[in-house]
């Protein structure tokens, strides 16, 4: 069995060799980059007790809700590779989702960059809560 790092390297190589596909296709990023990465980390995107896609919140529809003990713990927003995920508006979109759902963390990714932030921290801006 290959190591976690070997499997992540396979995903990274896929991202590099099919860059043009991922730059223009969010579903390809979700299916071929994010889902395999979630599996490696123990979050099976095919198990609705662990991961639920496109769950409606008061603020919109995040791409994934990761669950633990039946409760949403992390919201994940996927973007195509061409999206600069450190754009303040992109970060605010996920912050609104996470705040409305009361999750501890939010995660945004374009497949290449993964940005994790704490949903709540009194007296800080969203940018200051990036982990």
N, C-alpha and C. Protein backbone atom coordinates (compact mmCIF):
# COMPACT_ATOMS: atom_id res chain seq x y z
N UNK A 1 0.84 -1.19 0.00
CA UNK A 1 0.00 0.00 0.00
C UNK A 1 0.88 1.25 0.00
N UNK A 2 0.54 2.20 -0.83
CA UNK A 2 1.35 3.41 -0.92
C UNK A 2 1.06 4.34 0.25
N UNK A 3 2.03 5.18 0.54
CA UNK A 3 1.88 6.11 1.65
C UNK A 3 0.94 7.25 1.28
N UNK A 4 0.51 7.96 2.29
CA UNK A 4 -0.34 9.14 2.08
C UNK A 4 0.35 10.12 1.14
N UNK A 5 1.65 10.35 1.35
CA UNK A 5 2.39 11.30 0.53
C UNK A 5 2.45 10.86 -0.92
N UNK A 6 2.61 9.54 -1.14
CA UNK A 6 2.63 9.02 -2.52
C UNK A 6 1.28 9.26 -3.20
N UNK A 7 0.22 9.02 -2.47
CA UNK A 7 -1.11 9.20 -3.04
C UNK A 7 -1.42 10.68 -3.30
N UNK A 8 -0.97 11.54 -2.40
CA UNK A 8 -1.12 12.98 -2.63
C UNK A 8 -0.29 13.43 -3.82
N UNK A 9 0.88 12.85 -3.99
CA UNK A 9 1.72 13.18 -5.15
C UNK A 9 1.02 12.78 -6.45
N UNK A 10 0.31 11.66 -6.44
CA UNK A 10 -0.45 11.24 -7.62
C UNK A 10 -1.52 12.27 -7.96
N UNK A 11 -2.20 12.77 -6.95
CA UNK A 11 -3.23 13.79 -7.17
C UNK A 11 -2.59 15.08 -7.68
N UNK A 12 -1.45 15.46 -7.11
CA UNK A 12 -0.74 16.66 -7.55
C UNK A 12 -0.30 16.54 -9.01
N UNK A 13 0.19 15.36 -9.37
CA UNK A 13 0.62 15.14 -10.76
C UNK A 13 -0.57 15.25 -11.71
N UNK A 14 -1.71 14.73 -11.29
CA UNK A 14 -2.93 14.84 -12.11
C UNK A 14 -3.30 16.31 -12.31
N UNK A 15 -3.20 17.07 -11.25
CA UNK A 15 -3.51 18.50 -11.31
C UNK A 15 -2.58 19.21 -12.29
N UNK A 16 -1.33 18.86 -12.27
CA UNK A 16 -0.35 19.47 -13.17
C UNK A 16 -0.57 19.05 -14.62
N UNK A 17 -0.77 17.77 -14.86
CA UNK A 17 -0.86 17.28 -16.24
C UNK A 17 -2.19 17.63 -16.91
N UNK A 18 -3.21 17.93 -16.13
CA UNK A 18 -4.52 18.27 -16.69
C UNK A 18 -4.95 19.68 -16.27
N UNK A 19 -3.99 20.54 -16.10
CA UNK A 19 -4.23 21.90 -15.61
C UNK A 19 -5.33 22.63 -16.38
N UNK A 20 -5.29 22.55 -17.70
CA UNK A 20 -6.28 23.27 -18.51
C UNK A 20 -7.70 22.80 -18.19
N UNK A 21 -7.90 21.51 -18.01
CA UNK A 21 -9.21 20.98 -17.64
C UNK A 21 -9.67 21.58 -16.32
N UNK A 22 -8.79 21.56 -15.31
CA UNK A 22 -9.16 22.02 -13.98
C UNK A 22 -9.32 23.54 -13.89
N UNK A 23 -8.63 24.27 -14.76
CA UNK A 23 -8.79 25.73 -14.75
C UNK A 23 -10.19 26.15 -15.18
N UNK A 24 -10.86 25.34 -15.98
CA UNK A 24 -12.16 25.74 -16.48
C UNK A 24 -13.33 24.90 -16.02
N UNK A 25 -13.09 23.92 -15.12
CA UNK A 25 -14.16 22.97 -14.80
C UNK A 25 -14.15 22.64 -13.31
N UNK A 26 -15.04 23.28 -12.57
CA UNK A 26 -15.12 23.03 -11.12
C UNK A 26 -15.52 21.59 -10.81
N UNK A 27 -16.41 21.00 -11.59
CA UNK A 27 -16.82 19.61 -11.31
C UNK A 27 -15.64 18.66 -11.45
N UNK A 28 -14.77 18.89 -12.40
CA UNK A 28 -13.58 18.05 -12.55
C UNK A 28 -12.69 18.20 -11.31
N UNK A 29 -12.54 19.42 -10.81
CA UNK A 29 -11.75 19.64 -9.59
C UNK A 29 -12.39 18.87 -8.43
N UNK A 30 -13.70 18.96 -8.30
CA UNK A 30 -14.39 18.27 -7.21
C UNK A 30 -14.23 16.76 -7.32
N UNK A 31 -14.54 16.22 -8.49
CA UNK A 31 -14.55 14.75 -8.66
C UNK A 31 -13.16 14.14 -8.67
N UNK A 32 -12.19 14.82 -9.27
CA UNK A 32 -10.90 14.20 -9.51
C UNK A 32 -9.78 14.67 -8.58
N UNK A 33 -9.99 15.78 -7.89
CA UNK A 33 -8.97 16.31 -6.97
C UNK A 33 -9.48 16.33 -5.53
N UNK A 34 -10.61 17.00 -5.30
CA UNK A 34 -11.10 17.17 -3.93
C UNK A 34 -11.60 15.85 -3.35
N UNK A 35 -12.45 15.13 -4.07
CA UNK A 35 -12.99 13.88 -3.52
C UNK A 35 -11.91 12.87 -3.16
N UNK A 36 -10.92 12.62 -4.03
CA UNK A 36 -9.85 11.70 -3.63
C UNK A 36 -9.06 12.20 -2.42
N UNK A 37 -8.85 13.51 -2.33
CA UNK A 37 -8.13 14.07 -1.19
C UNK A 37 -8.95 13.88 0.09
N UNK A 38 -10.26 14.13 0.02
CA UNK A 38 -11.12 13.90 1.20
C UNK A 38 -11.04 12.44 1.64
N UNK A 39 -11.08 11.51 0.69
CA UNK A 39 -10.98 10.09 1.03
C UNK A 39 -9.68 9.79 1.77
N UNK A 40 -8.58 10.35 1.26
CA UNK A 40 -7.28 10.13 1.90
C UNK A 40 -7.28 10.62 3.35
N UNK A 41 -8.06 11.66 3.60
CA UNK A 41 -8.11 12.25 4.94
C UNK A 41 -9.20 11.64 5.82
N UNK A 42 -9.87 10.59 5.31
CA UNK A 42 -10.87 9.89 6.10
C UNK A 42 -12.29 10.39 5.97
N UNK A 43 -12.54 11.27 5.01
CA UNK A 43 -13.89 11.80 4.78
C UNK A 43 -14.41 11.23 3.46
N UNK A 44 -15.23 10.21 3.53
CA UNK A 44 -15.74 9.54 2.33
C UNK A 44 -16.86 10.37 1.71
N UNK A 45 -16.62 10.98 0.54
CA UNK A 45 -17.65 11.84 -0.06
C UNK A 45 -18.86 11.06 -0.56
N UNK A 46 -18.80 9.74 -0.55
CA UNK A 46 -19.94 8.92 -0.94
C UNK A 46 -20.76 8.45 0.25
N UNK A 47 -20.35 8.82 1.46
CA UNK A 47 -21.06 8.45 2.69
C UNK A 47 -21.79 9.67 3.24
N UNK A 48 -23.13 9.72 3.12
CA UNK A 48 -23.86 10.91 3.58
C UNK A 48 -23.81 11.12 5.10
N UNK A 49 -23.31 10.13 5.86
CA UNK A 49 -23.11 10.35 7.29
C UNK A 49 -21.83 11.12 7.56
N UNK A 50 -20.97 11.24 6.54
CA UNK A 50 -19.70 11.95 6.69
C UNK A 50 -19.61 13.21 5.84
N UNK A 51 -20.14 13.15 4.61
CA UNK A 51 -20.03 14.27 3.69
C UNK A 51 -21.36 14.43 2.95
N UNK A 52 -21.85 15.66 2.93
CA UNK A 52 -23.07 15.95 2.17
C UNK A 52 -22.79 17.09 1.20
N UNK A 53 -23.10 16.89 -0.08
CA UNK A 53 -22.86 17.94 -1.06
C UNK A 53 -24.03 18.92 -1.18
N UNK A 54 -23.71 20.15 -1.48
CA UNK A 54 -24.71 21.15 -1.86
C UNK A 54 -25.89 21.27 -0.91
N UNK A 55 -25.60 21.36 0.38
CA UNK A 55 -26.64 21.54 1.39
C UNK A 55 -26.99 23.02 1.49
N UNK A 56 -28.25 23.36 1.39
CA UNK A 56 -28.69 24.76 1.42
C UNK A 56 -28.53 25.34 2.83
N UNK A 57 -27.94 26.53 2.89
CA UNK A 57 -27.84 27.29 4.14
C UNK A 57 -28.63 28.57 3.97
N UNK A 58 -28.75 29.35 5.03
CA UNK A 58 -29.42 30.64 4.93
C UNK A 58 -28.68 31.59 3.98
N UNK A 59 -27.39 31.37 3.79
CA UNK A 59 -26.56 32.27 2.99
C UNK A 59 -26.23 31.73 1.60
N UNK A 60 -26.66 30.53 1.28
CA UNK A 60 -26.34 29.97 -0.03
C UNK A 60 -26.11 28.47 0.06
N UNK A 61 -25.36 27.95 -0.90
CA UNK A 61 -25.17 26.50 -0.99
C UNK A 61 -23.68 26.18 -1.09
N UNK A 62 -23.04 25.83 0.04
CA UNK A 62 -21.64 25.40 -0.03
C UNK A 62 -21.55 24.05 -0.73
N UNK A 63 -20.38 23.78 -1.30
CA UNK A 63 -20.23 22.55 -2.07
C UNK A 63 -20.24 21.29 -1.21
N UNK A 64 -19.69 21.36 -0.01
CA UNK A 64 -19.65 20.20 0.88
C UNK A 64 -19.88 20.63 2.32
N UNK A 65 -20.53 19.75 3.08
CA UNK A 65 -20.57 19.86 4.54
C UNK A 65 -19.96 18.58 5.07
N UNK A 66 -18.91 18.69 5.87
CA UNK A 66 -18.29 17.52 6.49
C UNK A 66 -18.90 17.36 7.87
N UNK A 67 -19.37 16.15 8.16
CA UNK A 67 -20.11 15.87 9.38
C UNK A 67 -19.34 14.98 10.34
N UNK A 68 -19.57 15.21 11.60
CA UNK A 68 -19.06 14.33 12.65
C UNK A 68 -20.16 14.21 13.68
N UNK A 69 -20.53 12.98 14.00
CA UNK A 69 -21.61 12.70 14.95
C UNK A 69 -22.89 13.42 14.53
N UNK A 70 -23.15 13.40 13.22
CA UNK A 70 -24.39 13.95 12.69
C UNK A 70 -24.48 15.46 12.62
N UNK A 71 -23.40 16.14 12.94
CA UNK A 71 -23.42 17.61 12.96
C UNK A 71 -22.37 18.16 12.00
N UNK A 72 -22.74 19.17 11.25
CA UNK A 72 -21.80 19.82 10.34
C UNK A 72 -20.66 20.45 11.10
N UNK A 73 -19.44 20.04 10.76
CA UNK A 73 -18.26 20.55 11.46
C UNK A 73 -17.41 21.48 10.59
N UNK A 74 -17.50 21.27 9.27
CA UNK A 74 -16.67 22.06 8.37
C UNK A 74 -17.40 22.22 7.05
N UNK A 75 -17.43 23.42 6.54
CA UNK A 75 -17.99 23.67 5.21
C UNK A 75 -16.82 23.81 4.25
N UNK A 76 -16.97 23.22 3.08
CA UNK A 76 -15.92 23.28 2.07
C UNK A 76 -16.51 23.86 0.79
N UNK A 77 -15.87 24.88 0.29
CA UNK A 77 -16.28 25.50 -0.96
C UNK A 77 -15.23 25.20 -2.01
N UNK A 78 -15.65 24.64 -3.13
CA UNK A 78 -14.76 24.28 -4.23
C UNK A 78 -14.82 25.34 -5.32
N UNK A 79 -13.69 25.58 -5.92
CA UNK A 79 -13.60 26.50 -7.05
C UNK A 79 -12.77 25.83 -8.13
N UNK A 80 -12.94 26.29 -9.37
CA UNK A 80 -12.07 25.79 -10.43
C UNK A 80 -10.68 26.37 -10.21
N UNK A 81 -9.68 25.73 -10.79
CA UNK A 81 -8.28 26.08 -10.57
C UNK A 81 -7.96 27.52 -10.93
N UNK A 82 -8.65 28.10 -11.88
CA UNK A 82 -8.36 29.47 -12.30
C UNK A 82 -8.82 30.53 -11.30
N UNK A 83 -9.57 30.15 -10.29
CA UNK A 83 -10.07 31.11 -9.30
C UNK A 83 -9.00 31.35 -8.23
N UNK A 84 -8.70 32.61 -8.00
CA UNK A 84 -7.77 33.02 -6.95
C UNK A 84 -8.54 32.98 -5.62
N UNK A 85 -8.30 31.94 -4.84
CA UNK A 85 -9.13 31.75 -3.65
C UNK A 85 -8.81 32.69 -2.50
N UNK A 86 -7.73 33.44 -2.60
CA UNK A 86 -7.45 34.43 -1.57
C UNK A 86 -8.12 35.77 -1.86
N UNK A 87 -8.93 35.81 -2.90
CA UNK A 87 -9.73 36.99 -3.22
C UNK A 87 -10.68 37.23 -2.04
N UNK A 88 -10.72 38.43 -1.49
CA UNK A 88 -11.57 38.69 -0.33
C UNK A 88 -13.04 38.30 -0.54
N UNK A 89 -13.59 38.51 -1.72
CA UNK A 89 -14.99 38.16 -1.94
C UNK A 89 -15.20 36.65 -1.91
N UNK A 90 -14.27 35.90 -2.42
CA UNK A 90 -14.36 34.44 -2.40
C UNK A 90 -14.31 33.95 -0.95
N UNK A 91 -13.42 34.52 -0.16
CA UNK A 91 -13.31 34.14 1.26
C UNK A 91 -14.58 34.54 2.01
N UNK A 92 -15.10 35.73 1.73
CA UNK A 92 -16.34 36.18 2.40
C UNK A 92 -17.51 35.26 2.10
N UNK A 93 -17.56 34.73 0.87
CA UNK A 93 -18.65 33.81 0.51
C UNK A 93 -18.64 32.62 1.46
N UNK A 94 -17.50 31.99 1.64
CA UNK A 94 -17.43 30.84 2.54
C UNK A 94 -17.65 31.26 3.99
N UNK A 95 -17.15 32.42 4.37
CA UNK A 95 -17.35 32.90 5.75
C UNK A 95 -18.83 33.05 6.06
N UNK A 96 -19.59 33.56 5.10
CA UNK A 96 -21.05 33.69 5.31
C UNK A 96 -21.68 32.32 5.52
N UNK A 97 -21.30 31.34 4.69
CA UNK A 97 -21.85 29.99 4.83
C UNK A 97 -21.52 29.42 6.22
N UNK A 98 -20.24 29.50 6.58
CA UNK A 98 -19.80 28.90 7.84
C UNK A 98 -20.45 29.59 9.04
N UNK A 99 -20.53 30.91 9.00
CA UNK A 99 -21.15 31.65 10.10
C UNK A 99 -22.62 31.26 10.24
N UNK A 100 -23.34 31.18 9.11
CA UNK A 100 -24.77 30.87 9.17
C UNK A 100 -25.02 29.45 9.68
N UNK A 101 -24.08 28.54 9.44
CA UNK A 101 -24.26 27.15 9.89
C UNK A 101 -23.65 26.89 11.26
N UNK A 102 -22.84 27.82 11.75
CA UNK A 102 -22.22 27.64 13.06
C UNK A 102 -21.11 26.61 13.08
N UNK A 103 -20.48 26.38 11.92
CA UNK A 103 -19.37 25.42 11.90
C UNK A 103 -18.11 26.07 12.46
N UNK A 104 -17.24 25.25 13.02
CA UNK A 104 -16.01 25.74 13.60
C UNK A 104 -15.04 26.24 12.54
N UNK A 105 -15.00 25.53 11.41
CA UNK A 105 -14.05 25.86 10.35
C UNK A 105 -14.73 25.94 8.99
N UNK A 106 -14.10 26.67 8.12
CA UNK A 106 -14.46 26.71 6.71
C UNK A 106 -13.21 26.42 5.91
N UNK A 107 -13.39 25.80 4.76
CA UNK A 107 -12.26 25.46 3.90
C UNK A 107 -12.64 25.80 2.47
N UNK A 108 -11.74 26.47 1.78
CA UNK A 108 -11.96 26.79 0.38
C UNK A 108 -10.76 26.29 -0.40
N UNK A 109 -11.03 25.70 -1.57
CA UNK A 109 -9.94 25.19 -2.38
C UNK A 109 -10.25 25.28 -3.87
N UNK A 110 -9.19 25.45 -4.63
CA UNK A 110 -9.29 25.34 -6.08
C UNK A 110 -8.57 24.07 -6.54
N UNK A 111 -8.30 23.18 -5.62
CA UNK A 111 -7.61 21.94 -5.90
C UNK A 111 -6.12 22.04 -5.65
N UNK A 112 -5.52 23.18 -5.95
CA UNK A 112 -4.08 23.37 -5.75
C UNK A 112 -3.79 24.03 -4.40
N UNK A 113 -4.62 25.00 -4.02
CA UNK A 113 -4.44 25.73 -2.77
C UNK A 113 -5.65 25.43 -1.89
N UNK A 114 -5.37 25.09 -0.64
CA UNK A 114 -6.42 24.79 0.33
C UNK A 114 -6.29 25.81 1.45
N UNK A 115 -7.34 26.59 1.69
CA UNK A 115 -7.31 27.67 2.66
C UNK A 115 -8.31 27.35 3.77
N UNK A 116 -7.80 27.12 4.97
CA UNK A 116 -8.63 26.80 6.14
C UNK A 116 -8.70 28.03 7.03
N UNK A 117 -9.91 28.32 7.52
CA UNK A 117 -10.03 29.44 8.45
C UNK A 117 -11.02 29.09 9.55
N UNK A 118 -10.82 29.72 10.70
CA UNK A 118 -11.72 29.58 11.84
C UNK A 118 -12.94 30.45 11.58
N UNK A 119 -14.12 29.89 11.78
CA UNK A 119 -15.34 30.64 11.49
C UNK A 119 -15.58 31.76 12.49
N UNK A 120 -15.20 31.53 13.74
CA UNK A 120 -15.48 32.51 14.79
C UNK A 120 -14.21 32.81 15.56
N UNK A 121 -13.94 34.08 15.73
CA UNK A 121 -12.89 34.54 16.61
C UNK A 121 -13.15 36.02 16.83
N UNK A 122 -13.69 36.31 17.97
CA UNK A 122 -14.11 37.68 18.26
C UNK A 122 -12.98 38.68 18.07
N UNK A 123 -13.32 39.80 17.45
CA UNK A 123 -12.38 40.89 17.30
C UNK A 123 -11.37 40.70 16.16
N UNK A 124 -11.65 39.76 15.24
CA UNK A 124 -10.72 39.54 14.13
C UNK A 124 -11.48 39.61 12.80
N UNK A 125 -10.74 39.88 11.76
CA UNK A 125 -11.30 39.83 10.42
C UNK A 125 -11.21 38.40 9.89
N UNK A 126 -11.93 38.11 8.83
CA UNK A 126 -11.86 36.78 8.23
C UNK A 126 -10.41 36.47 7.83
N UNK A 127 -9.75 37.41 7.23
CA UNK A 127 -8.36 37.19 6.79
C UNK A 127 -7.46 36.85 7.96
N UNK A 128 -7.70 37.45 9.12
CA UNK A 128 -6.88 37.17 10.31
C UNK A 128 -7.15 35.79 10.90
N UNK A 129 -8.26 35.17 10.51
CA UNK A 129 -8.61 33.85 11.03
C UNK A 129 -8.12 32.70 10.15
N UNK A 130 -7.39 33.02 9.08
CA UNK A 130 -6.84 31.97 8.24
C UNK A 130 -5.81 31.18 9.03
N UNK A 131 -5.95 29.87 8.99
CA UNK A 131 -5.06 29.00 9.78
C UNK A 131 -3.77 28.77 9.04
